């Protein structure tokens, strides 16, 4: 949709907003990544978390309820434990194949895996 230079976490950053609601930031490597993450996804009324963050929260909840460790899920889904950790943290953006394998490993429904991704009030 558009792009331009904006002040993000006290630093100049190139911000691009695309039609599919993603935001990309181009900043110098010396910037604090955690400050930029907070600035890119502010908390407050009307702001919904990123889908990958919701998926990660659901994965963590379902894994804990099943009494499984990240190593257990990684082994069952045939992925690296660090990848499971990044998905739960909301920093990885897994493909549908990986999500399918994780869902099978957790014996979870699609509704459980994707809870909170619909319209407000659908949770």
PDB file of N, CA and C in Angstrom:
ATOM      1  N   UNK A   1       0.809  -1.183   0.000  1.00  0.00           N
ATOM      2  CA  UNK A   1       0.000   0.000   0.000  1.00  0.00           C
ATOM      3  C   UNK A   1       0.852   1.247   0.000  1.00  0.00           C
ATOM      4  N   UNK A   2       1.864   1.246   0.843  1.00  0.00           N
ATOM      5  CA  UNK A   2       2.708   2.421   0.899  1.00  0.00           C
ATOM      6  C   UNK A   2       3.942   2.165   1.721  1.00  0.00           C
ATOM      7  N   UNK A   3       4.868   3.084   1.627  1.00  0.00           N
ATOM      8  CA  UNK A   3       6.076   2.968   2.444  1.00  0.00           C
ATOM      9  C   UNK A   3       6.644   4.355   2.657  1.00  0.00           C
ATOM     10  N   UNK A   4       7.495   4.466   3.620  1.00  0.00           N
ATOM     11  CA  UNK A   4       8.137   5.735   3.909  1.00  0.00           C
ATOM     12  C   UNK A   4       9.007   5.613   5.127  1.00  0.00           C
ATOM     13  N   UNK A   5       9.704   6.685   5.442  1.00  0.00           N
ATOM     14  CA  UNK A   5      10.569   6.704   6.613  1.00  0.00           C
ATOM     15  C   UNK A   5       9.759   7.177   7.798  1.00  0.00           C
ATOM     16  N   UNK A   6       9.838   6.454   8.901  1.00  0.00           N
ATOM     17  CA  UNK A   6       9.114   6.786  10.119  1.00  0.00           C
ATOM     18  C   UNK A   6      10.059   6.680  11.305  1.00  0.00           C
ATOM     19  N   UNK A   7       9.681   7.328  12.386  1.00  0.00           N
ATOM     20  CA  UNK A   7      10.416   7.217  13.637  1.00  0.00           C
ATOM     21  C   UNK A   7       9.876   5.987  14.363  1.00  0.00           C
ATOM     22  N   UNK A   8      10.719   4.976  14.584  1.00  0.00           N
ATOM     23  CA  UNK A   8      10.316   3.739  15.241  1.00  0.00           C
ATOM     24  C   UNK A   8      11.273   3.500  16.391  1.00  0.00           C
ATOM     25  N   UNK A   9      10.742   3.458  17.601  1.00  0.00           N
ATOM     26  CA  UNK A   9      11.542   3.228  18.812  1.00  0.00           C
ATOM     27  C   UNK A   9      12.729   4.190  18.878  1.00  0.00           C
ATOM     28  N   UNK A  10      12.499   5.431  18.512  1.00  0.00           N
ATOM     29  CA  UNK A  10      13.529   6.451  18.594  1.00  0.00           C
ATOM     30  C   UNK A  10      14.536   6.415  17.460  1.00  0.00           C
ATOM     31  N   UNK A  11      14.311   5.587  16.451  1.00  0.00           N
ATOM     32  CA  UNK A  11      15.228   5.463  15.323  1.00  0.00           C
ATOM     33  C   UNK A  11      14.461   5.639  14.020  1.00  0.00           C
ATOM     34  N   UNK A  12      15.155   6.139  12.989  1.00  0.00           N
ATOM     35  CA  UNK A  12      14.545   6.220  11.668  1.00  0.00           C
ATOM     36  C   UNK A  12      14.502   4.827  11.062  1.00  0.00           C
ATOM     37  N   UNK A  13      13.369   4.460  10.514  1.00  0.00           N
ATOM     38  CA  UNK A  13      13.220   3.139   9.904  1.00  0.00           C
ATOM     39  C   UNK A  13      12.353   3.266   8.667  1.00  0.00           C
ATOM     40  N   UNK A  14      12.641   2.464   7.672  1.00  0.00           N
ATOM     41  CA  UNK A  14      11.814   2.416   6.472  1.00  0.00           C
ATOM     42  C   UNK A  14      10.684   1.441   6.751  1.00  0.00           C
ATOM     43  N   UNK A  15       9.468   1.933   6.683  1.00  0.00           N
ATOM     44  CA  UNK A  15       8.288   1.134   6.985  1.00  0.00           C
ATOM     45  C   UNK A  15       7.506   0.926   5.706  1.00  0.00           C
ATOM     46  N   UNK A  16       7.193  -0.330   5.418  1.00  0.00           N
ATOM     47  CA  UNK A  16       6.371  -0.670   4.262  1.00  0.00           C
ATOM     48  C   UNK A  16       5.127  -1.397   4.744  1.00  0.00           C
ATOM     49  N   UNK A  17       3.977  -0.915   4.356  1.00  0.00           N
ATOM     50  CA  UNK A  17       2.726  -1.569   4.714  1.00  0.00           C
ATOM     51  C   UNK A  17       2.139  -2.133   3.429  1.00  0.00           C
ATOM     52  N   UNK A  18       1.914  -3.436   3.431  1.00  0.00           N
ATOM     53  CA  UNK A  18       1.426  -4.112   2.244  1.00  0.00           C
ATOM     54  C   UNK A  18      -0.068  -4.375   2.365  1.00  0.00           C
ATOM     55  N   UNK A  19      -0.697  -4.607   1.258  1.00  0.00           N
ATOM     56  CA  UNK A  19      -2.139  -4.780   1.204  1.00  0.00           C
ATOM     57  C   UNK A  19      -2.610  -5.964   2.055  1.00  0.00           C
ATOM     58  N   UNK A  20      -1.752  -6.973   2.289  1.00  0.00           N
ATOM     59  CA  UNK A  20      -2.159  -8.129   3.070  1.00  0.00           C
ATOM     60  C   UNK A  20      -1.866  -7.948   4.550  1.00  0.00           C
ATOM     61  N   UNK A  21      -1.742  -6.735   4.990  1.00  0.00           N
ATOM     62  CA  UNK A  21      -1.599  -6.346   6.391  1.00  0.00           C
ATOM     63  C   UNK A  21      -0.276  -6.752   7.030  1.00  0.00           C
ATOM     64  N   UNK A  22       0.770  -6.822   6.262  1.00  0.00           N
ATOM     65  CA  UNK A  22       2.059  -7.076   6.890  1.00  0.00           C
ATOM     66  C   UNK A  22       2.862  -5.790   6.887  1.00  0.00           C
ATOM     67  N   UNK A  23       3.753  -5.688   7.820  1.00  0.00           N
ATOM     68  CA  UNK A  23       4.591  -4.510   7.945  1.00  0.00           C
ATOM     69  C   UNK A  23       6.037  -4.983   7.918  1.00  0.00           C
ATOM     70  N   UNK A  24       6.847  -4.342   7.106  1.00  0.00           N
ATOM     71  CA  UNK A  24       8.267  -4.679   7.110  1.00  0.00           C
ATOM     72  C   UNK A  24       9.055  -3.446   7.524  1.00  0.00           C
ATOM     73  N   UNK A  25      10.114  -3.697   8.289  1.00  0.00           N
ATOM     74  CA  UNK A  25      10.972  -2.623   8.759  1.00  0.00           C
ATOM     75  C   UNK A  25      12.379  -2.856   8.246  1.00  0.00           C
ATOM     76  N   UNK A  26      12.994  -1.806   7.743  1.00  0.00           N
ATOM     77  CA  UNK A  26      14.394  -1.867   7.355  1.00  0.00           C
ATOM     78  C   UNK A  26      15.134  -0.874   8.227  1.00  0.00           C
ATOM     79  N   UNK A  27      15.954  -1.401   9.126  1.00  0.00           N
ATOM     80  CA  UNK A  27      16.665  -0.551  10.080  1.00  0.00           C
ATOM     81  C   UNK A  27      18.129  -0.958  10.134  1.00  0.00           C
ATOM     82  N   UNK A  28      18.988  -0.065  10.584  1.00  0.00           N
ATOM     83  CA  UNK A  28      20.398  -0.431  10.747  1.00  0.00           C
ATOM     84  C   UNK A  28      20.548  -1.589  11.733  1.00  0.00           C
ATOM     85  N   UNK A  29      21.543  -2.448  11.525  1.00  0.00           N
ATOM     86  CA  UNK A  29      21.752  -3.637  12.352  1.00  0.00           C
ATOM     87  C   UNK A  29      22.030  -3.308  13.815  1.00  0.00           C
ATOM     88  N   UNK A  30      22.474  -2.115  14.113  1.00  0.00           N
ATOM     89  CA  UNK A  30      22.827  -1.771  15.487  1.00  0.00           C
ATOM     90  C   UNK A  30      21.608  -1.467  16.354  1.00  0.00           C
ATOM     91  N   UNK A  31      20.423  -1.389  15.770  1.00  0.00           N
ATOM     92  CA  UNK A  31      19.230  -1.084  16.558  1.00  0.00           C
ATOM     93  C   UNK A  31      18.850  -2.234  17.468  1.00  0.00           C
ATOM     94  N   UNK A  32      18.153  -1.910  18.521  1.00  0.00           N
ATOM     95  CA  UNK A  32      17.688  -2.888  19.487  1.00  0.00           C
ATOM     96  C   UNK A  32      16.481  -3.628  18.913  1.00  0.00           C
ATOM     97  N   UNK A  33      16.586  -4.927  18.559  1.00  0.00           N
ATOM     98  CA  UNK A  33      15.474  -5.645  17.943  1.00  0.00           C
ATOM     99  C   UNK A  33      14.244  -5.731  18.830  1.00  0.00           C
ATOM    100  N   UNK A  34      14.414  -5.869  20.149  1.00  0.00           N
ATOM    101  CA  UNK A  34      13.245  -5.983  21.011  1.00  0.00           C
ATOM    102  C   UNK A  34      12.462  -4.680  21.049  1.00  0.00           C
ATOM    103  N   UNK A  35      13.147  -3.545  21.006  1.00  0.00           N
ATOM    104  CA  UNK A  35      12.447  -2.258  20.985  1.00  0.00           C
ATOM    105  C   UNK A  35      11.679  -2.101  19.690  1.00  0.00           C
ATOM    106  N   UNK A  36      12.276  -2.551  18.581  1.00  0.00           N
ATOM    107  CA  UNK A  36      11.580  -2.453  17.300  1.00  0.00           C
ATOM    108  C   UNK A  36      10.380  -3.375  17.257  1.00  0.00           C
ATOM    109  N   UNK A  37      10.490  -4.561  17.853  1.00  0.00           N
ATOM    110  CA  UNK A  37       9.375  -5.501  17.875  1.00  0.00           C
ATOM    111  C   UNK A  37       8.195  -4.880  18.614  1.00  0.00           C
ATOM    112  N   UNK A  38       8.498  -4.221  19.748  1.00  0.00           N
ATOM    113  CA  UNK A  38       7.435  -3.589  20.514  1.00  0.00           C
ATOM    114  C   UNK A  38       6.821  -2.438  19.728  1.00  0.00           C
ATOM    115  N   UNK A  39       7.630  -1.676  19.036  1.00  0.00           N
ATOM    116  CA  UNK A  39       7.126  -0.534  18.279  1.00  0.00           C
ATOM    117  C   UNK A  39       6.323  -0.985  17.072  1.00  0.00           C
ATOM    118  N   UNK A  40       6.711  -2.105  16.457  1.00  0.00           N
ATOM    119  CA  UNK A  40       6.017  -2.587  15.274  1.00  0.00           C
ATOM    120  C   UNK A  40       4.677  -3.208  15.624  1.00  0.00           C
ATOM    121  N   UNK A  41       4.516  -3.704  16.829  1.00  0.00           N
ATOM    122  CA  UNK A  41       3.269  -4.335  17.232  1.00  0.00           C
ATOM    123  C   UNK A  41       2.802  -3.754  18.564  1.00  0.00           C
ATOM    124  N   UNK A  42       2.330  -2.505  18.559  1.00  0.00           N
ATOM    125  CA  UNK A  42       1.924  -1.879  19.812  1.00  0.00           C
ATOM    126  C   UNK A  42       0.718  -2.580  20.429  1.00  0.00           C
ATOM    127  N   UNK A  43       0.664  -2.572  21.733  1.00  0.00           N
ATOM    128  CA  UNK A  43      -0.462  -3.157  22.443  1.00  0.00           C
ATOM    129  C   UNK A  43      -1.485  -2.067  22.716  1.00  0.00           C
ATOM    130  N   UNK A  44      -2.739  -2.416  22.660  1.00  0.00           N
ATOM    131  CA  UNK A  44      -3.766  -1.443  22.950  1.00  0.00           C
ATOM    132  C   UNK A  44      -5.077  -1.819  22.296  1.00  0.00           C
ATOM    133  N   UNK A  45      -6.057  -0.985  22.509  1.00  0.00           N
ATOM    134  CA  UNK A  45      -7.384  -1.250  21.987  1.00  0.00           C
ATOM    135  C   UNK A  45      -7.367  -1.286  20.468  1.00  0.00           C
ATOM    136  N   UNK A  46      -8.012  -2.309  19.913  1.00  0.00           N
ATOM    137  CA  UNK A  46      -8.142  -2.407  18.468  1.00  0.00           C
ATOM    138  C   UNK A  46      -6.953  -3.030  17.763  1.00  0.00           C
ATOM    139  N   UNK A  47      -5.883  -3.322  18.476  1.00  0.00           N
ATOM    140  CA  UNK A  47      -4.706  -3.922  17.853  1.00  0.00           C
ATOM    141  C   UNK A  47      -4.737  -5.412  18.142  1.00  0.00           C
ATOM    142  N   UNK A  48      -4.796  -6.211  17.090  1.00  0.00           N
ATOM    143  CA  UNK A  48      -4.804  -7.665  17.250  1.00  0.00           C
ATOM    144  C   UNK A  48      -3.387  -8.196  17.097  1.00  0.00           C
ATOM    145  N   UNK A  49      -3.048  -9.226  17.852  1.00  0.00           N
ATOM    146  CA  UNK A  49      -1.705  -9.804  17.721  1.00  0.00           C
ATOM    147  C   UNK A  49      -1.516 -10.454  16.356  1.00  0.00           C
ATOM    148  N   UNK A  50      -0.270 -10.608  15.959  1.00  0.00           N
ATOM    149  CA  UNK A  50       0.031 -11.268  14.701  1.00  0.00           C
ATOM    150  C   UNK A  50      -0.462 -12.712  14.743  1.00  0.00           C
ATOM    151  N   UNK A  51      -0.941 -13.232  13.610  1.00  0.00           N
ATOM    152  CA  UNK A  51      -1.406 -14.626  13.582  1.00  0.00           C
ATOM    153  C   UNK A  51      -0.359 -15.616  14.079  1.00  0.00           C
ATOM    154  N   UNK A  52       0.917 -15.400  13.745  1.00  0.00           N
ATOM    155  CA  UNK A  52       1.938 -16.350  14.194  1.00  0.00           C
ATOM    156  C   UNK A  52       2.100 -16.311  15.709  1.00  0.00           C
ATOM    157  N   UNK A  53       1.843 -15.157  16.346  1.00  0.00           N
ATOM    158  CA  UNK A  53       1.914 -15.072  17.806  1.00  0.00           C
ATOM    159  C   UNK A  53       0.751 -15.833  18.440  1.00  0.00           C
ATOM    160  N   UNK A  54      -0.436 -15.734  17.839  1.00  0.00           N
ATOM    161  CA  UNK A  54      -1.604 -16.462  18.338  1.00  0.00           C
ATOM    162  C   UNK A  54      -1.377 -17.969  18.183  1.00  0.00           C
ATOM    163  N   UNK A  55      -0.857 -18.381  17.024  1.00  0.00           N
ATOM    164  CA  UNK A  55      -0.554 -19.792  16.800  1.00  0.00           C
ATOM    165  C   UNK A  55       0.455 -20.289  17.834  1.00  0.00           C
ATOM    166  N   UNK A  56       1.483 -19.510  18.103  1.00  0.00           N
ATOM    167  CA  UNK A  56       2.493 -19.896  19.087  1.00  0.00           C
ATOM    168  C   UNK A  56       1.914 -20.045  20.480  1.00  0.00           C
ATOM    169  N   UNK A  57       1.041 -19.129  20.847  1.00  0.00           N
ATOM    170  CA  UNK A  57       0.395 -19.205  22.160  1.00  0.00           C
ATOM    171  C   UNK A  57      -0.475 -20.461  22.258  1.00  0.00           C
ATOM    172  N   UNK A  58      -1.204 -20.752  21.173  1.00  0.00           N
ATOM    173  CA  UNK A  58      -2.039 -21.959  21.156  1.00  0.00           C
ATOM    174  C   UNK A  58      -1.189 -23.220  21.216  1.00  0.00           C
ATOM    175  N   UNK A  59      -0.097 -23.249  20.473  1.00  0.00           N
ATOM    176  CA  UNK A  59       0.808 -24.400  20.495  1.00  0.00           C
ATOM    177  C   UNK A  59       1.337 -24.631  21.904  1.00  0.00           C
ATOM    178  N   UNK A  60       1.763 -23.567  22.556  1.00  0.00           N
ATOM    179  CA  UNK A  60       2.286 -23.689  23.917  1.00  0.00           C
ATOM    180  C   UNK A  60       1.211 -24.226  24.863  1.00  0.00           C
ATOM    181  N   UNK A  61       0.002 -23.695  24.759  1.00  0.00           N
ATOM    182  CA  UNK A  61      -1.106 -24.128  25.614  1.00  0.00           C
ATOM    183  C   UNK A  61      -1.424 -25.606  25.392  1.00  0.00           C
ATOM    184  N   UNK A  62      -1.552 -26.011  24.126  1.00  0.00           N
ATOM    185  CA  UNK A  62      -1.900 -27.396  23.804  1.00  0.00           C
ATOM    186  C   UNK A  62      -0.776 -28.364  24.195  1.00  0.00           C
ATOM    187  N   UNK A  63       0.454 -27.949  23.978  1.00  0.00           N
ATOM    188  CA  UNK A  63       1.597 -28.796  24.343  1.00  0.00           C
ATOM    189  C   UNK A  63       1.646 -29.009  25.845  1.00  0.00           C
ATOM    190  N   UNK A  64       1.448 -27.924  26.602  1.00  0.00           N
ATOM    191  CA  UNK A  64       1.476 -28.010  28.058  1.00  0.00           C
ATOM    192  C   UNK A  64       0.339 -28.881  28.581  1.00  0.00           C
ATOM    193  N   UNK A  65      -0.862 -28.694  28.005  1.00  0.00           N
ATOM    194  CA  UNK A  65      -2.014 -29.499  28.417  1.00  0.00           C
ATOM    195  C   UNK A  65      -1.790 -30.987  28.145  1.00  0.00           C
ATOM    196  N   UNK A  66      -1.076 -31.290  27.068  1.00  0.00           N
ATOM    197  CA  UNK A  66      -0.793 -32.685  26.714  1.00  0.00           C
ATOM    198  C   UNK A  66       0.362 -33.265  27.527  1.00  0.00           C
ATOM    199  N   UNK A  67       1.035 -32.417  28.314  1.00  0.00           N
ATOM    200  CA  UNK A  67       2.152 -32.882  29.130  1.00  0.00           C
ATOM    201  C   UNK A  67       3.391 -33.193  28.305  1.00  0.00           C
ATOM    202  N   UNK A  68       3.537 -32.516  27.174  1.00  0.00           N
ATOM    203  CA  UNK A  68       4.675 -32.746  26.284  1.00  0.00           C
ATOM    204  C   UNK A  68       5.703 -31.629  26.408  1.00  0.00           C
ATOM    205  N   UNK A  69       6.951 -31.968  26.174  1.00  0.00           N
ATOM    206  CA  UNK A  69       8.005 -30.966  26.119  1.00  0.00           C
ATOM    207  C   UNK A  69       8.159 -30.502  24.670  1.00  0.00           C
ATOM    208  N   UNK A  70       8.925 -29.441  24.479  1.00  0.00           N
ATOM    209  CA  UNK A  70       9.216 -28.991  23.116  1.00  0.00           C
ATOM    210  C   UNK A  70       9.973 -30.073  22.360  1.00  0.00           C
ATOM    211  N   UNK A  71      10.846 -30.802  23.051  1.00  0.00           N
ATOM    212  CA  UNK A  71      11.560 -31.917  22.419  1.00  0.00           C
ATOM    213  C   UNK A  71      10.596 -33.000  21.954  1.00  0.00           C
ATOM    214  N   UNK A  72       9.591 -33.299  22.783  1.00  0.00           N
ATOM    215  CA  UNK A  72       8.591 -34.310  22.409  1.00  0.00           C
ATOM    216  C   UNK A  72       7.867 -33.915  21.125  1.00  0.00           C
ATOM    217  N   UNK A  73       7.383 -32.674  21.093  1.00  0.00           N
ATOM    218  CA  UNK A  73       6.642 -32.190  19.917  1.00  0.00           C
ATOM    219  C   UNK A  73       7.549 -32.179  18.693  1.00  0.00           C
ATOM    220  N   UNK A  74       8.781 -31.738  18.874  1.00  0.00           N
ATOM    221  CA  UNK A  74       9.724 -31.692  17.758  1.00  0.00           C
ATOM    222  C   UNK A  74       9.953 -33.086  17.186  1.00  0.00           C
ATOM    223  N   UNK A  75      10.128 -34.059  18.059  1.00  0.00           N
ATOM    224  CA  UNK A  75      10.338 -35.428  17.598  1.00  0.00           C
ATOM    225  C   UNK A  75       9.133 -35.984  16.865  1.00  0.00           C
ATOM    226  N   UNK A  76       7.944 -35.769  17.428  1.00  0.00           N
ATOM    227  CA  UNK A  76       6.719 -36.272  16.806  1.00  0.00           C
ATOM    228  C   UNK A  76       6.422 -35.589  15.473  1.00  0.00           C
ATOM    229  N   UNK A  77       6.730 -34.292  15.389  1.00  0.00           N
ATOM    230  CA  UNK A  77       6.446 -33.526  14.167  1.00  0.00           C
ATOM    231  C   UNK A  77       7.626 -33.541  13.189  1.00  0.00           C
ATOM    232  N   UNK A  78       8.730 -34.152  13.597  1.00  0.00           N
ATOM    233  CA  UNK A  78       9.935 -34.247  12.770  1.00  0.00           C
ATOM    234  C   UNK A  78      10.479 -32.871  12.371  1.00  0.00           C
ATOM    235  N   UNK A  79      10.585 -32.002  13.390  1.00  0.00           N
ATOM    236  CA  UNK A  79      11.189 -30.679  13.202  1.00  0.00           C
ATOM    237  C   UNK A  79      12.167 -30.435  14.340  1.00  0.00           C
ATOM    238  N   UNK A  80      12.969 -29.423  14.228  1.00  0.00           N
ATOM    239  CA  UNK A  80      13.954 -29.098  15.243  1.00  0.00           C
ATOM    240  C   UNK A  80      13.293 -28.469  16.471  1.00  0.00           C
ATOM    241  N   UNK A  81      13.799 -28.807  17.668  1.00  0.00           N
ATOM    242  CA  UNK A  81      13.242 -28.246  18.898  1.00  0.00           C
ATOM    243  C   UNK A  81      13.321 -26.729  18.920  1.00  0.00           C
ATOM    244  N   UNK A  82      14.413 -26.189  18.356  1.00  0.00           N
ATOM    245  CA  UNK A  82      14.552 -24.724  18.332  1.00  0.00           C
ATOM    246  C   UNK A  82      13.463 -24.091  17.474  1.00  0.00           C
ATOM    247  N   UNK A  83      13.034 -24.819  16.442  1.00  0.00           N
ATOM    248  CA  UNK A  83      11.945 -24.305  15.597  1.00  0.00           C
ATOM    249  C   UNK A  83      10.637 -24.276  16.388  1.00  0.00           C
ATOM    250  N   UNK A  84      10.392 -25.320  17.183  1.00  0.00           N
ATOM    251  CA  UNK A  84       9.201 -25.333  18.047  1.00  0.00           C
ATOM    252  C   UNK A  84       9.257 -24.138  18.995  1.00  0.00           C
ATOM    253  N   UNK A  85      10.433 -23.895  19.562  1.00  0.00           N
ATOM    254  CA  UNK A  85      10.612 -22.767  20.483  1.00  0.00           C
ATOM    255  C   UNK A  85      10.298 -21.445  19.781  1.00  0.00           C
ATOM    256  N   UNK A  86      10.800 -21.273  18.559  1.00  0.00           N
ATOM    257  CA  UNK A  86      10.559 -20.029  17.813  1.00  0.00           C
ATOM    258  C   UNK A  86       9.083 -19.884  17.421  1.00  0.00           C
ATOM    259  N   UNK A  87       8.431 -20.994  17.100  1.00  0.00           N
ATOM    260  CA  UNK A  87       6.994 -20.920  16.768  1.00  0.00           C
ATOM    261  C   UNK A  87       6.223 -20.483  18.002  1.00  0.00           C
ATOM    262  N   UNK A  88       6.513 -21.095  19.151  1.00  0.00           N
ATOM    263  CA  UNK A  88       5.820 -20.721  20.389  1.00  0.00           C
ATOM    264  C   UNK A  88       6.070 -19.263  20.762  1.00  0.00           C
ATOM    265  N   UNK A  89       7.252 -18.763  20.474  1.00  0.00           N
ATOM    266  CA  UNK A  89       7.589 -17.368  20.788  1.00  0.00           C
ATOM    267  C   UNK A  89       6.971 -16.395  19.789  1.00  0.00           C
ATOM    268  N   UNK A  90       6.446 -16.923  18.683  1.00  0.00           N
ATOM    269  CA  UNK A  90       5.836 -16.055  17.673  1.00  0.00           C
ATOM    270  C   UNK A  90       6.839 -15.414  16.737  1.00  0.00           C
ATOM    271  N   UNK A  91       8.075 -15.917  16.730  1.00  0.00           N
ATOM    272  CA  UNK A  91       9.091 -15.327  15.855  1.00  0.00           C
ATOM    273  C   UNK A  91       9.267 -16.104  14.556  1.00  0.00           C
ATOM    274  N   UNK A  92       8.770 -17.341  14.509  1.00  0.00           N
ATOM    275  CA  UNK A  92       8.841 -18.138  13.279  1.00  0.00           C
ATOM    276  C   UNK A  92       7.486 -18.079  12.586  1.00  0.00           C
ATOM    277  N   UNK A  93       7.509 -18.218  11.293  1.00  0.00           N
ATOM    278  CA  UNK A  93       6.286 -18.194  10.500  1.00  0.00           C
ATOM    279  C   UNK A  93       6.189 -19.533   9.764  1.00  0.00           C
ATOM    280  N   UNK A  94       5.690 -20.586  10.451  1.00  0.00           N
ATOM    281  CA  UNK A  94       5.713 -21.926   9.872  1.00  0.00           C
ATOM    282  C   UNK A  94       4.745 -22.067   8.703  1.00  0.00           C
ATOM    283  N   UNK A  95       5.097 -22.936   7.782  1.00  0.00           N
ATOM    284  CA  UNK A  95       4.234 -23.239   6.648  1.00  0.00           C
ATOM    285  C   UNK A  95       3.139 -24.211   7.052  1.00  0.00           C
ATOM    286  N   UNK A  96       2.196 -24.411   6.158  1.00  0.00           N
ATOM    287  CA  UNK A  96       1.046 -25.269   6.447  1.00  0.00           C
ATOM    288  C   UNK A  96       1.473 -26.713   6.699  1.00  0.00           C
ATOM    289  N   UNK A  97       2.515 -27.198   6.020  1.00  0.00           N
ATOM    290  CA  UNK A  97       2.981 -28.573   6.238  1.00  0.00           C
ATOM    291  C   UNK A  97       3.455 -28.771   7.673  1.00  0.00           C
ATOM    292  N   UNK A  98       4.207 -27.816   8.188  1.00  0.00           N
ATOM    293  CA  UNK A  98       4.707 -27.907   9.562  1.00  0.00           C
ATOM    294  C   UNK A  98       3.544 -27.801  10.539  1.00  0.00           C
ATOM    295  N   UNK A  99       2.616 -26.892  10.292  1.00  0.00           N
ATOM    296  CA  UNK A  99       1.461 -26.747  11.180  1.00  0.00           C
ATOM    297  C   UNK A  99       0.653 -28.046  11.211  1.00  0.00           C
ATOM    298  N   UNK A 100       0.500 -28.696  10.062  1.00  0.00           N
ATOM    299  CA  UNK A 100      -0.220 -29.982   9.996  1.00  0.00           C
ATOM    300  C   UNK A 100       0.487 -31.045  10.834  1.00  0.00           C
ATOM    301  N   UNK A 101       1.813 -31.117  10.739  1.00  0.00           N
ATOM    302  CA  UNK A 101       2.556 -32.120  11.504  1.00  0.00           C
ATOM    303  C   UNK A 101       2.477 -31.842  13.006  1.00  0.00           C
ATOM    304  N   UNK A 102       2.515 -30.571  13.378  1.00  0.00           N
ATOM    305  CA  UNK A 102       2.398 -30.219  14.802  1.00  0.00           C
ATOM    306  C   UNK A 102       0.998 -30.556  15.311  1.00  0.00           C
ATOM    307  N   UNK A 103      -0.008 -30.246  14.516  1.00  0.00           N
ATOM    308  CA  UNK A 103      -1.392 -30.547  14.901  1.00  0.00           C
ATOM    309  C   UNK A 103      -1.573 -32.038  15.128  1.00  0.00           C
ATOM    310  N   UNK A 104      -1.010 -32.838  14.231  1.00  0.00           N
ATOM    311  CA  UNK A 104      -1.091 -34.292  14.370  1.00  0.00           C
ATOM    312  C   UNK A 104      -0.337 -34.756  15.620  1.00  0.00           C
ATOM    313  N   UNK A 105       0.841 -34.193  15.857  1.00  0.00           N
ATOM    314  CA  UNK A 105       1.642 -34.558  17.032  1.00  0.00           C
ATOM    315  C   UNK A 105       0.890 -34.267  18.328  1.00  0.00           C
ATOM    316  N   UNK A 106       0.123 -33.193  18.339  1.00  0.00           N
ATOM    317  CA  UNK A 106      -0.619 -32.802  19.539  1.00  0.00           C
ATOM    318  C   UNK A 106      -2.012 -33.422  19.603  1.00  0.00           C
ATOM    319  N   UNK A 107      -2.399 -34.114  18.523  1.00  0.00           N
ATOM    320  CA  UNK A 107      -3.746 -34.677  18.431  1.00  0.00           C
ATOM    321  C   UNK A 107      -4.794 -33.591  18.698  1.00  0.00           C
ATOM    322  N   UNK A 108      -4.583 -32.438  18.079  1.00  0.00           N
ATOM    323  CA  UNK A 108      -5.435 -31.269  18.289  1.00  0.00           C
ATOM    324  C   UNK A 108      -6.305 -31.016  17.051  1.00  0.00           C
ATOM    325  N   UNK A 109      -7.409 -30.366  17.264  1.00  0.00           N
ATOM    326  CA  UNK A 109      -8.275 -29.988  16.139  1.00  0.00           C
ATOM    327  C   UNK A 109      -7.768 -28.687  15.530  1.00  0.00           C
ATOM    328  N   UNK A 110      -8.224 -28.412  14.323  1.00  0.00           N
ATOM    329  CA  UNK A 110      -7.867 -27.137  13.689  1.00  0.00           C
ATOM    330  C   UNK A 110      -8.416 -25.974  14.512  1.00  0.00           C
ATOM    331  N   UNK A 111      -9.602 -26.144  15.066  1.00  0.00           N
ATOM    332  CA  UNK A 111     -10.200 -25.076  15.879  1.00  0.00           C
ATOM    333  C   UNK A 111      -9.314 -24.749  17.082  1.00  0.00           C
ATOM    334  N   UNK A 112      -8.751 -25.785  17.716  1.00  0.00           N
ATOM    335  CA  UNK A 112      -7.863 -25.559  18.864  1.00  0.00           C
ATOM    336  C   UNK A 112      -6.570 -24.872  18.435  1.00  0.00           C
ATOM    337  N   UNK A 113      -6.013 -25.301  17.310  1.00  0.00           N
ATOM    338  CA  UNK A 113      -4.754 -24.726  16.829  1.00  0.00           C
ATOM    339  C   UNK A 113      -4.905 -23.260  16.422  1.00  0.00           C
ATOM    340  N   UNK A 114      -6.050 -22.929  15.858  1.00  0.00           N
ATOM    341  CA  UNK A 114      -6.238 -21.593  15.283  1.00  0.00           C
ATOM    342  C   UNK A 114      -7.138 -20.696  16.128  1.00  0.00           C
ATOM    343  N   UNK A 115      -7.457 -21.126  17.334  1.00  0.00           N
ATOM    344  CA  UNK A 115      -8.331 -20.338  18.203  1.00  0.00           C
ATOM    345  C   UNK A 115      -7.774 -18.921  18.370  1.00  0.00           C
ATOM    346  N   UNK A 116      -8.635 -17.936  18.182  1.00  0.00           N
ATOM    347  CA  UNK A 116      -8.221 -16.548  18.371  1.00  0.00           C
ATOM    348  C   UNK A 116      -7.810 -15.849  17.087  1.00  0.00           C
ATOM    349  N   UNK A 117      -7.815 -16.568  15.964  1.00  0.00           N
ATOM    350  CA  UNK A 117      -7.409 -15.943  14.692  1.00  0.00           C
ATOM    351  C   UNK A 117      -8.582 -15.375  13.907  1.00  0.00           C
ATOM    352  N   UNK A 118      -9.797 -15.657  14.337  1.00  0.00           N
ATOM    353  CA  UNK A 118     -10.977 -15.178  13.604  1.00  0.00           C
ATOM    354  C   UNK A 118     -11.300 -13.740  13.957  1.00  0.00           C
ATOM    355  N   UNK A 119     -12.526 -13.397  13.746  1.00  0.00           N
ATOM    356  CA  UNK A 119     -13.009 -12.064  14.079  1.00  0.00           C
ATOM    357  C   UNK A 119     -13.075 -11.887  15.588  1.00  0.00           C
ATOM    358  N   UNK A 120     -12.993 -10.638  16.067  1.00  0.00           N
ATOM    359  CA  UNK A 120     -13.118 -10.403  17.511  1.00  0.00           C
ATOM    360  C   UNK A 120     -14.425 -11.006  18.013  1.00  0.00           C
ATOM    361  N   UNK A 121     -14.363 -11.691  19.136  1.00  0.00           N
ATOM    362  CA  UNK A 121     -15.553 -12.330  19.687  1.00  0.00           C
ATOM    363  C   UNK A 121     -15.680 -13.778  19.283  1.00  0.00           C
ATOM    364  N   UNK A 122     -14.880 -14.252  18.318  1.00  0.00           N
ATOM    365  CA  UNK A 122     -14.933 -15.645  17.892  1.00  0.00           C
ATOM    366  C   UNK A 122     -14.139 -16.552  18.810  1.00  0.00           C
ATOM    367  N   UNK A 123     -13.380 -15.972  19.753  1.00  0.00           N
ATOM    368  CA  UNK A 123     -12.497 -16.763  20.617  1.00  0.00           C
ATOM    369  C   UNK A 123     -13.355 -17.589  21.492  1.00  0.00           C
TER     370      UNK A 123
END
